[in-house]
């Protein structure tokens, strides 16, 4: 539960910083996140970043009354073997 609260607080902070941008990446040692108002911006950015070799773990939409809705996509770029 504490981990969820920390992630939510971090997400809200980054969401406030991402105003005016198409998307924003957050990278941790375990996974990566893309935050945007539009799913298509994130998917295109992830596709470019991972060279079309990635796995989307989850996708969550946050709806706000005052601000634009945001979507957070948790993804992982796959490593190339060989």
C-alpha atoms as a PDB file:
ATOM      1  CA  UNK A   1       0.000   0.000   0.000  1.00  0.00           C
ATOM      2  CA  UNK A   2       2.845   2.355   0.868  1.00  0.00           C
ATOM      3  CA  UNK A   3       4.477   1.632  -2.507  1.00  0.00           C
ATOM      4  CA  UNK A   4       1.212   2.525  -4.269  1.00  0.00           C
ATOM      5  CA  UNK A   5       0.981   5.829  -2.364  1.00  0.00           C
ATOM      6  CA  UNK A   6       4.590   6.700  -3.249  1.00  0.00           C
ATOM      7  CA  UNK A   7       3.984   5.874  -6.929  1.00  0.00           C
ATOM      8  CA  UNK A   8       0.772   7.920  -6.958  1.00  0.00           C
ATOM      9  CA  UNK A   9       2.490  10.934  -5.393  1.00  0.00           C
ATOM     10  CA  UNK A  10       5.368  10.666  -7.869  1.00  0.00           C
ATOM     11  CA  UNK A  11       2.911  10.335 -10.747  1.00  0.00           C
ATOM     12  CA  UNK A  12       0.977  13.427  -9.712  1.00  0.00           C
ATOM     13  CA  UNK A  13       4.206  15.417  -9.419  1.00  0.00           C
ATOM     14  CA  UNK A  14       5.396  14.342 -12.859  1.00  0.00           C
ATOM     15  CA  UNK A  15       1.970  14.960 -14.336  1.00  0.00           C
ATOM     16  CA  UNK A  16       2.095  18.534 -13.127  1.00  0.00           C
ATOM     17  CA  UNK A  17       5.540  18.943 -14.708  1.00  0.00           C
ATOM     18  CA  UNK A  18       4.488  17.426 -18.020  1.00  0.00           C
ATOM     19  CA  UNK A  19       1.940  20.114 -18.863  1.00  0.00           C
ATOM     20  CA  UNK A  20       2.545  21.419 -22.389  1.00  0.00           C
ATOM     21  CA  UNK A  21       4.514  18.359 -23.541  1.00  0.00           C
ATOM     22  CA  UNK A  22       3.299  15.480 -25.671  1.00  0.00           C
ATOM     23  CA  UNK A  23       4.745  12.845 -23.324  1.00  0.00           C
ATOM     24  CA  UNK A  24       7.163  12.366 -20.451  1.00  0.00           C
ATOM     25  CA  UNK A  25       9.324   9.344 -19.562  1.00  0.00           C
ATOM     26  CA  UNK A  26      10.137   8.198 -16.027  1.00  0.00           C
ATOM     27  CA  UNK A  27      12.796   5.508 -15.715  1.00  0.00           C
ATOM     28  CA  UNK A  28      13.481   3.449 -12.611  1.00  0.00           C
ATOM     29  CA  UNK A  29      15.858   0.551 -12.054  1.00  0.00           C
ATOM     30  CA  UNK A  30      12.951  -1.885 -12.500  1.00  0.00           C
ATOM     31  CA  UNK A  31      10.714  -0.412 -15.197  1.00  0.00           C
ATOM     32  CA  UNK A  32       9.862   2.621 -17.309  1.00  0.00           C
ATOM     33  CA  UNK A  33       6.759   4.794 -17.459  1.00  0.00           C
ATOM     34  CA  UNK A  34       5.372   7.077 -20.132  1.00  0.00           C
ATOM     35  CA  UNK A  35       2.910   9.807 -19.149  1.00  0.00           C
ATOM     36  CA  UNK A  36       0.784  11.728 -21.613  1.00  0.00           C
ATOM     37  CA  UNK A  37      -2.641  13.153 -22.288  1.00  0.00           C
ATOM     38  CA  UNK A  38      -2.968  10.887 -25.332  1.00  0.00           C
ATOM     39  CA  UNK A  39      -2.177   7.179 -25.531  1.00  0.00           C
ATOM     40  CA  UNK A  40      -0.952   7.499 -29.125  1.00  0.00           C
ATOM     41  CA  UNK A  41       1.853   9.924 -28.140  1.00  0.00           C
ATOM     42  CA  UNK A  42       3.187   7.449 -25.565  1.00  0.00           C
ATOM     43  CA  UNK A  43       2.928   4.420 -27.821  1.00  0.00           C
ATOM     44  CA  UNK A  44       4.796   6.231 -30.600  1.00  0.00           C
ATOM     45  CA  UNK A  45       7.467   7.477 -28.180  1.00  0.00           C
ATOM     46  CA  UNK A  46       7.904   3.996 -26.661  1.00  0.00           C
ATOM     47  CA  UNK A  47       8.109   2.519 -30.147  1.00  0.00           C
ATOM     48  CA  UNK A  48      10.876   4.993 -31.055  1.00  0.00           C
ATOM     49  CA  UNK A  49      12.743   4.539 -27.778  1.00  0.00           C
ATOM     50  CA  UNK A  50      12.684   0.721 -27.819  1.00  0.00           C
ATOM     51  CA  UNK A  51      13.087   0.339 -31.584  1.00  0.00           C
ATOM     52  CA  UNK A  52       9.737  -1.501 -31.846  1.00  0.00           C
ATOM     53  CA  UNK A  53      10.844  -4.147 -29.330  1.00  0.00           C
ATOM     54  CA  UNK A  54       8.943  -3.621 -26.073  1.00  0.00           C
ATOM     55  CA  UNK A  55       6.373  -5.073 -23.706  1.00  0.00           C
ATOM     56  CA  UNK A  56       3.572  -2.997 -22.167  1.00  0.00           C
ATOM     57  CA  UNK A  57       2.956  -4.177 -18.590  1.00  0.00           C
ATOM     58  CA  UNK A  58       0.003  -1.947 -17.758  1.00  0.00           C
ATOM     59  CA  UNK A  59      -1.910   1.113 -18.824  1.00  0.00           C
ATOM     60  CA  UNK A  60      -3.830   3.356 -16.418  1.00  0.00           C
ATOM     61  CA  UNK A  61      -5.962   6.391 -17.227  1.00  0.00           C
ATOM     62  CA  UNK A  62      -6.387   9.122 -14.616  1.00  0.00           C
ATOM     63  CA  UNK A  63      -9.360  11.414 -15.056  1.00  0.00           C
ATOM     64  CA  UNK A  64      -9.285  14.916 -13.603  1.00  0.00           C
ATOM     65  CA  UNK A  65     -12.069  17.455 -13.329  1.00  0.00           C
ATOM     66  CA  UNK A  66      -9.874  20.555 -13.509  1.00  0.00           C
ATOM     67  CA  UNK A  67      -6.929  19.396 -15.625  1.00  0.00           C
ATOM     68  CA  UNK A  68      -6.665  17.244 -18.757  1.00  0.00           C
ATOM     69  CA  UNK A  69      -6.904  13.488 -18.300  1.00  0.00           C
ATOM     70  CA  UNK A  70      -3.586  11.620 -18.220  1.00  0.00           C
ATOM     71  CA  UNK A  71      -2.549   8.119 -19.156  1.00  0.00           C
ATOM     72  CA  UNK A  72       0.381   6.266 -17.589  1.00  0.00           C
ATOM     73  CA  UNK A  73       1.877   3.333 -19.476  1.00  0.00           C
ATOM     74  CA  UNK A  74       4.267   0.991 -17.684  1.00  0.00           C
ATOM     75  CA  UNK A  75       6.574  -0.668 -20.207  1.00  0.00           C
ATOM     76  CA  UNK A  76       9.850  -2.503 -20.588  1.00  0.00           C
ATOM     77  CA  UNK A  77      12.163  -2.486 -23.594  1.00  0.00           C
ATOM     78  CA  UNK A  78      13.162  -6.027 -24.566  1.00  0.00           C
ATOM     79  CA  UNK A  79      16.833  -6.822 -24.830  1.00  0.00           C
ATOM     80  CA  UNK A  80      18.090  -8.177 -28.113  1.00  0.00           C
ATOM     81  CA  UNK A  81      19.751 -11.565 -27.774  1.00  0.00           C
ATOM     82  CA  UNK A  82      22.660 -12.217 -30.046  1.00  0.00           C
END
